Amino acid sequence: MARTSGVDLPVNDIINSIIPAHSDGRLHGLKQELIQLKKKLEDQKRRAEALKKANEDSRKDHWWKKPIEELDIEQLMMYEKALEGLVKKIHMKMKSLFIDPNNVNERTSIDVVENVKPFGGN
């Protein structure tokens, strides 16, 4: 038996009085940890939602990055005009390099690429 405040208590009674106090303290710590984890989870959910929205907004703003199957007729027509403009610019560049764009084959393209000097090269 143990002696507490002048009263003899059995050891089991002492242990039984300590365990709930310890359990309550541990339970409080676990509750606090759970609260923090829930806050982190909510923050992550908000971040994921913001990233999802930003991605959707980006796809709206950059419609030409969508798969071609997702484009509407107006977007397809604009895309076609942009590609036609790119082809014209390529032809102008080829003419400036003295290459006939109407007489280009795979070998000519390879020769041109092999003979192009890097920017700033001699």
N, C-alpha and C. Protein backbone atom coordinates (compact mmCIF):
# COMPACT_ATOMS: atom_id res chain seq x y z
N MET A 1 0.83 -1.18 0.00
CA MET A 1 0.00 0.00 0.00
C MET A 1 0.87 1.24 0.00
N ALA A 2 0.37 2.25 -0.67
CA ALA A 2 1.10 3.51 -0.70
C ALA A 2 0.41 4.48 0.23
N ARG A 3 1.16 5.47 0.65
CA ARG A 3 0.63 6.43 1.61
C ARG A 3 0.47 7.77 0.90
N THR A 4 -0.76 8.33 0.91
CA THR A 4 -1.03 9.61 0.28
C THR A 4 -1.83 10.45 1.25
N SER A 5 -1.35 11.62 1.57
CA SER A 5 -2.03 12.56 2.46
C SER A 5 -2.44 11.90 3.77
N GLY A 6 -1.57 11.07 4.25
CA GLY A 6 -1.84 10.43 5.53
C GLY A 6 -2.83 9.29 5.43
N VAL A 7 -3.28 8.95 4.21
CA VAL A 7 -4.23 7.86 4.04
C VAL A 7 -3.54 6.76 3.25
N ASP A 8 -3.67 5.58 3.70
CA ASP A 8 -3.09 4.45 2.98
C ASP A 8 -4.01 4.07 1.82
N LEU A 9 -3.44 4.09 0.58
CA LEU A 9 -4.20 3.70 -0.61
C LEU A 9 -3.53 2.48 -1.22
N PRO A 10 -4.30 1.56 -1.71
CA PRO A 10 -3.69 0.43 -2.41
C PRO A 10 -3.01 0.94 -3.70
N VAL A 11 -1.97 0.26 -4.14
CA VAL A 11 -1.22 0.64 -5.34
C VAL A 11 -2.15 0.70 -6.55
N ASN A 12 -3.07 -0.20 -6.66
CA ASN A 12 -4.01 -0.21 -7.79
C ASN A 12 -4.84 1.07 -7.81
N ASP A 13 -5.23 1.57 -6.67
CA ASP A 13 -6.01 2.80 -6.61
C ASP A 13 -5.17 3.98 -7.10
N ILE A 14 -3.90 4.00 -6.75
CA ILE A 14 -3.00 5.08 -7.20
C ILE A 14 -2.85 5.01 -8.72
N ILE A 15 -2.59 3.82 -9.24
CA ILE A 15 -2.43 3.65 -10.68
C ILE A 15 -3.72 4.03 -11.39
N ASN A 16 -4.85 3.60 -10.87
CA ASN A 16 -6.13 3.91 -11.48
C ASN A 16 -6.44 5.40 -11.45
N SER A 17 -5.90 6.14 -10.50
CA SER A 17 -6.12 7.58 -10.47
C SER A 17 -5.17 8.32 -11.42
N ILE A 18 -3.99 7.73 -11.68
CA ILE A 18 -3.00 8.36 -12.57
C ILE A 18 -3.36 8.13 -14.03
N ILE A 19 -3.81 6.95 -14.37
CA ILE A 19 -4.08 6.59 -15.77
C ILE A 19 -5.10 7.53 -16.41
N PRO A 20 -6.24 7.81 -15.79
CA PRO A 20 -7.19 8.73 -16.43
C PRO A 20 -6.59 10.12 -16.65
N ALA A 21 -5.82 10.60 -15.69
CA ALA A 21 -5.20 11.91 -15.86
C ALA A 21 -4.23 11.90 -17.03
N HIS A 22 -3.45 10.83 -17.12
CA HIS A 22 -2.50 10.71 -18.24
C HIS A 22 -3.27 10.56 -19.56
N SER A 23 -4.31 9.75 -19.54
CA SER A 23 -5.12 9.55 -20.74
C SER A 23 -5.77 10.85 -21.18
N ASP A 24 -6.26 11.63 -20.23
CA ASP A 24 -6.89 12.91 -20.57
C ASP A 24 -5.87 13.85 -21.22
N GLY A 25 -4.66 13.88 -20.70
CA GLY A 25 -3.61 14.72 -21.27
C GLY A 25 -3.24 14.26 -22.67
N ARG A 26 -3.11 12.95 -22.83
CA ARG A 26 -2.78 12.39 -24.15
C ARG A 26 -3.92 12.64 -25.13
N LEU A 27 -5.15 12.48 -24.65
CA LEU A 27 -6.31 12.71 -25.49
C LEU A 27 -6.36 14.16 -25.96
N HIS A 28 -6.06 15.08 -25.05
CA HIS A 28 -6.05 16.50 -25.42
C HIS A 28 -4.99 16.75 -26.50
N GLY A 29 -3.81 16.16 -26.35
CA GLY A 29 -2.76 16.31 -27.34
C GLY A 29 -3.18 15.75 -28.69
N LEU A 30 -3.83 14.60 -28.69
CA LEU A 30 -4.30 14.00 -29.94
C LEU A 30 -5.38 14.85 -30.60
N LYS A 31 -6.25 15.43 -29.78
CA LYS A 31 -7.29 16.31 -30.33
C LYS A 31 -6.66 17.53 -31.00
N GLN A 32 -5.65 18.10 -30.37
CA GLN A 32 -4.96 19.25 -30.95
C GLN A 32 -4.28 18.87 -32.26
N GLU A 33 -3.66 17.71 -32.28
CA GLU A 33 -3.00 17.23 -33.51
C GLU A 33 -4.03 17.02 -34.62
N LEU A 34 -5.20 16.46 -34.26
CA LEU A 34 -6.25 16.25 -35.23
C LEU A 34 -6.75 17.57 -35.79
N ILE A 35 -6.92 18.57 -34.95
CA ILE A 35 -7.36 19.90 -35.39
C ILE A 35 -6.35 20.48 -36.38
N GLN A 36 -5.06 20.37 -36.07
CA GLN A 36 -4.02 20.89 -36.97
C GLN A 36 -4.03 20.15 -38.31
N LEU A 37 -4.19 18.84 -38.27
CA LEU A 37 -4.22 18.06 -39.50
C LEU A 37 -5.44 18.41 -40.35
N LYS A 38 -6.59 18.64 -39.70
CA LYS A 38 -7.78 19.05 -40.44
C LYS A 38 -7.57 20.40 -41.10
N LYS A 39 -6.91 21.32 -40.41
CA LYS A 39 -6.62 22.63 -40.99
C LYS A 39 -5.70 22.48 -42.20
N LYS A 40 -4.67 21.65 -42.08
CA LYS A 40 -3.76 21.42 -43.21
C LYS A 40 -4.51 20.81 -44.39
N LEU A 41 -5.39 19.87 -44.10
CA LEU A 41 -6.17 19.23 -45.16
C LEU A 41 -7.05 20.25 -45.87
N GLU A 42 -7.71 21.09 -45.11
CA GLU A 42 -8.56 22.13 -45.71
C GLU A 42 -7.73 23.10 -46.55
N ASP A 43 -6.54 23.46 -46.05
CA ASP A 43 -5.65 24.33 -46.82
C ASP A 43 -5.25 23.67 -48.14
N GLN A 44 -4.93 22.38 -48.08
CA GLN A 44 -4.56 21.65 -49.29
C GLN A 44 -5.73 21.56 -50.27
N LYS A 45 -6.93 21.36 -49.74
CA LYS A 45 -8.11 21.30 -50.61
C LYS A 45 -8.33 22.65 -51.29
N ARG A 46 -8.19 23.74 -50.52
CA ARG A 46 -8.35 25.08 -51.12
C ARG A 46 -7.28 25.32 -52.17
N ARG A 47 -6.07 24.91 -51.89
CA ARG A 47 -4.97 25.09 -52.86
C ARG A 47 -5.24 24.28 -54.12
N ALA A 48 -5.68 23.04 -53.96
CA ALA A 48 -5.98 22.20 -55.12
C ALA A 48 -7.10 22.81 -55.96
N GLU A 49 -8.11 23.35 -55.30
CA GLU A 49 -9.23 23.97 -56.01
C GLU A 49 -8.75 25.22 -56.76
N ALA A 50 -7.88 26.01 -56.12
CA ALA A 50 -7.35 27.21 -56.77
C ALA A 50 -6.51 26.83 -57.99
N LEU A 51 -5.70 25.79 -57.87
CA LEU A 51 -4.89 25.33 -59.01
C LEU A 51 -5.77 24.81 -60.13
N LYS A 52 -6.82 24.09 -59.77
CA LYS A 52 -7.75 23.57 -60.78
C LYS A 52 -8.41 24.73 -61.53
N LYS A 53 -8.84 25.75 -60.78
CA LYS A 53 -9.49 26.91 -61.40
C LYS A 53 -8.50 27.66 -62.29
N ALA A 54 -7.27 27.82 -61.80
CA ALA A 54 -6.25 28.52 -62.59
C ALA A 54 -5.98 27.75 -63.89
N ASN A 55 -5.95 26.44 -63.81
CA ASN A 55 -5.72 25.62 -65.00
C ASN A 55 -6.87 25.77 -65.98
N GLU A 56 -8.11 25.76 -65.47
CA GLU A 56 -9.27 25.94 -66.33
C GLU A 56 -9.26 27.33 -66.97
N ASP A 57 -8.93 28.35 -66.17
CA ASP A 57 -8.87 29.71 -66.70
C ASP A 57 -7.79 29.83 -67.77
N SER A 58 -6.67 29.17 -67.54
CA SER A 58 -5.57 29.20 -68.50
C SER A 58 -6.00 28.56 -69.82
N ARG A 59 -6.73 27.46 -69.72
CA ARG A 59 -7.20 26.79 -70.95
C ARG A 59 -8.20 27.66 -71.69
N LYS A 60 -8.99 28.45 -70.95
CA LYS A 60 -9.93 29.36 -71.60
C LYS A 60 -9.17 30.47 -72.30
N ASP A 61 -8.16 31.02 -71.61
CA ASP A 61 -7.37 32.11 -72.18
C ASP A 61 -6.47 31.64 -73.31
N HIS A 62 -6.03 30.41 -73.27
CA HIS A 62 -5.13 29.83 -74.29
C HIS A 62 -5.85 28.69 -74.99
N TRP A 63 -6.94 29.03 -75.64
CA TRP A 63 -7.78 28.02 -76.27
C TRP A 63 -7.03 27.19 -77.29
N TRP A 64 -6.00 27.75 -77.90
CA TRP A 64 -5.26 27.03 -78.95
C TRP A 64 -4.43 25.88 -78.38
N LYS A 65 -4.30 25.82 -77.06
CA LYS A 65 -3.58 24.71 -76.44
C LYS A 65 -4.48 23.51 -76.19
N LYS A 66 -5.78 23.69 -76.41
CA LYS A 66 -6.73 22.58 -76.22
C LYS A 66 -6.52 21.55 -77.32
N PRO A 67 -6.92 20.31 -77.06
CA PRO A 67 -6.94 19.32 -78.15
C PRO A 67 -7.85 19.82 -79.27
N ILE A 68 -7.48 19.58 -80.50
CA ILE A 68 -8.20 20.13 -81.65
C ILE A 68 -9.67 19.69 -81.65
N GLU A 69 -9.96 18.52 -81.08
CA GLU A 69 -11.33 18.02 -81.03
C GLU A 69 -12.21 18.91 -80.14
N GLU A 70 -11.62 19.66 -79.22
CA GLU A 70 -12.40 20.49 -78.30
C GLU A 70 -12.64 21.91 -78.82
N LEU A 71 -12.05 22.25 -79.97
CA LEU A 71 -12.21 23.60 -80.50
C LEU A 71 -13.53 23.73 -81.25
N ASP A 72 -14.14 24.92 -81.13
CA ASP A 72 -15.37 25.16 -81.90
C ASP A 72 -14.98 25.69 -83.28
N ILE A 73 -15.94 25.89 -84.14
CA ILE A 73 -15.67 26.27 -85.54
C ILE A 73 -14.94 27.60 -85.63
N GLU A 74 -15.32 28.56 -84.81
CA GLU A 74 -14.65 29.87 -84.83
C GLU A 74 -13.18 29.74 -84.44
N GLN A 75 -12.92 28.95 -83.41
CA GLN A 75 -11.54 28.74 -82.98
C GLN A 75 -10.75 28.00 -84.05
N LEU A 76 -11.36 27.03 -84.70
CA LEU A 76 -10.69 26.29 -85.77
C LEU A 76 -10.31 27.21 -86.93
N MET A 77 -11.21 28.11 -87.27
CA MET A 77 -10.93 29.05 -88.36
C MET A 77 -9.79 30.00 -87.98
N MET A 78 -9.80 30.47 -86.74
CA MET A 78 -8.71 31.35 -86.28
C MET A 78 -7.38 30.59 -86.27
N TYR A 79 -7.43 29.33 -85.84
CA TYR A 79 -6.24 28.49 -85.80
C TYR A 79 -5.68 28.29 -87.20
N GLU A 80 -6.57 28.04 -88.15
CA GLU A 80 -6.16 27.86 -89.55
C GLU A 80 -5.48 29.12 -90.08
N LYS A 81 -6.05 30.29 -89.82
CA LYS A 81 -5.45 31.55 -90.28
C LYS A 81 -4.07 31.76 -89.65
N ALA A 82 -3.96 31.42 -88.38
CA ALA A 82 -2.67 31.57 -87.71
C ALA A 82 -1.62 30.65 -88.34
N LEU A 83 -2.01 29.43 -88.66
CA LEU A 83 -1.08 28.50 -89.30
C LEU A 83 -0.70 28.96 -90.71
N GLU A 84 -1.68 29.51 -91.43
CA GLU A 84 -1.38 30.05 -92.76
C GLU A 84 -0.39 31.20 -92.64
N GLY A 85 -0.56 32.04 -91.63
CA GLY A 85 0.39 33.14 -91.41
C GLY A 85 1.77 32.62 -91.08
N LEU A 86 1.84 31.55 -90.31
CA LEU A 86 3.12 30.94 -89.98
C LEU A 86 3.80 30.39 -91.23
N VAL A 87 3.03 29.74 -92.09
CA VAL A 87 3.59 29.20 -93.34
C VAL A 87 4.16 30.34 -94.18
N LYS A 88 3.44 31.47 -94.27
CA LYS A 88 3.93 32.62 -95.04
C LYS A 88 5.25 33.14 -94.46
N LYS A 89 5.33 33.21 -93.14
CA LYS A 89 6.57 33.68 -92.51
C LYS A 89 7.73 32.72 -92.79
N ILE A 90 7.44 31.44 -92.77
CA ILE A 90 8.48 30.45 -93.07
C ILE A 90 8.95 30.61 -94.51
N HIS A 91 8.02 30.79 -95.44
CA HIS A 91 8.38 30.97 -96.85
C HIS A 91 9.23 32.24 -97.03
N MET A 92 8.85 33.33 -96.34
CA MET A 92 9.63 34.57 -96.44
C MET A 92 11.04 34.35 -95.90
N LYS A 93 11.16 33.62 -94.81
CA LYS A 93 12.49 33.35 -94.23
C LYS A 93 13.30 32.48 -95.19
N MET A 94 12.65 31.49 -95.78
CA MET A 94 13.36 30.63 -96.72
C MET A 94 13.83 31.43 -97.93
N LYS A 95 13.00 32.34 -98.44
CA LYS A 95 13.40 33.18 -99.57
C LYS A 95 14.58 34.06 -99.18
N SER A 96 14.59 34.54 -97.92
CA SER A 96 15.71 35.38 -97.49
C SER A 96 17.00 34.55 -97.42
N LEU A 97 16.86 33.24 -97.30
CA LEU A 97 18.03 32.35 -97.30
C LEU A 97 18.29 31.80 -98.70
N PHE A 98 17.61 32.35 -99.71
CA PHE A 98 17.74 31.94 -101.11
C PHE A 98 17.33 30.49 -101.33
N ILE A 99 16.24 30.11 -100.68
CA ILE A 99 15.69 28.77 -100.88
C ILE A 99 14.30 28.94 -101.48
N ASP A 100 14.06 28.22 -102.55
CA ASP A 100 12.74 28.27 -103.18
C ASP A 100 11.78 27.40 -102.36
N PRO A 101 10.80 28.02 -101.68
CA PRO A 101 9.89 27.24 -100.84
C PRO A 101 9.04 26.25 -101.62
N ASN A 102 8.90 26.46 -102.94
CA ASN A 102 8.11 25.54 -103.76
C ASN A 102 8.92 24.33 -104.19
N ASN A 103 10.23 24.39 -103.98
CA ASN A 103 11.09 23.29 -104.41
C ASN A 103 11.87 22.75 -103.22
N VAL A 104 11.15 22.50 -102.14
CA VAL A 104 11.80 22.01 -100.91
C VAL A 104 11.39 20.56 -100.71
N ASN A 105 12.39 19.75 -100.43
CA ASN A 105 12.10 18.37 -100.06
C ASN A 105 12.79 18.08 -98.74
N GLU A 106 12.68 16.89 -98.28
CA GLU A 106 13.26 16.55 -96.98
C GLU A 106 14.77 16.77 -96.97
N ARG A 107 15.45 16.40 -98.04
CA ARG A 107 16.91 16.53 -98.08
C ARG A 107 17.31 18.00 -98.05
N THR A 108 16.58 18.87 -98.77
CA THR A 108 16.88 20.30 -98.75
C THR A 108 16.75 20.85 -97.35
N SER A 109 15.70 20.45 -96.65
CA SER A 109 15.48 20.92 -95.29
C SER A 109 16.63 20.49 -94.38
N ILE A 110 17.08 19.25 -94.55
CA ILE A 110 18.18 18.76 -93.73
C ILE A 110 19.45 19.55 -94.04
N ASP A 111 19.72 19.80 -95.33
CA ASP A 111 20.90 20.57 -95.72
C ASP A 111 20.86 21.97 -95.11
N VAL A 112 19.70 22.60 -95.14
CA VAL A 112 19.57 23.95 -94.59
C VAL A 112 19.86 23.92 -93.10
N VAL A 113 19.27 22.98 -92.39
CA VAL A 113 19.46 22.89 -90.95
C VAL A 113 20.92 22.63 -90.62
N GLU A 114 21.58 21.76 -91.38
CA GLU A 114 22.98 21.44 -91.12
C GLU A 114 23.89 22.63 -91.39
N ASN A 115 23.50 23.51 -92.31
CA ASN A 115 24.34 24.64 -92.66
C ASN A 115 24.04 25.92 -91.89
N VAL A 116 23.00 25.90 -91.07
CA VAL A 116 22.68 27.09 -90.29
C VAL A 116 23.65 27.20 -89.13
N LYS A 117 24.24 28.37 -89.02
CA LYS A 117 25.20 28.59 -87.94
C LYS A 117 24.45 29.05 -86.70
N PRO A 118 24.92 28.66 -85.53
CA PRO A 118 24.25 29.09 -84.31
C PRO A 118 24.32 30.60 -84.15
N PHE A 119 23.40 31.15 -83.41
CA PHE A 119 23.35 32.58 -83.17
C PHE A 119 24.70 33.05 -82.63
N GLY A 120 25.26 34.05 -83.25
CA GLY A 120 26.55 34.58 -82.80
C GLY A 120 27.73 33.81 -83.36
N GLY A 121 27.46 32.74 -84.13
CA GLY A 121 28.55 31.94 -84.70
C GLY A 121 29.18 32.63 -85.89
N ASN A 122 30.36 32.19 -86.31
CA ASN A 122 31.06 32.79 -87.46
C ASN A 122 30.68 32.12 -88.75
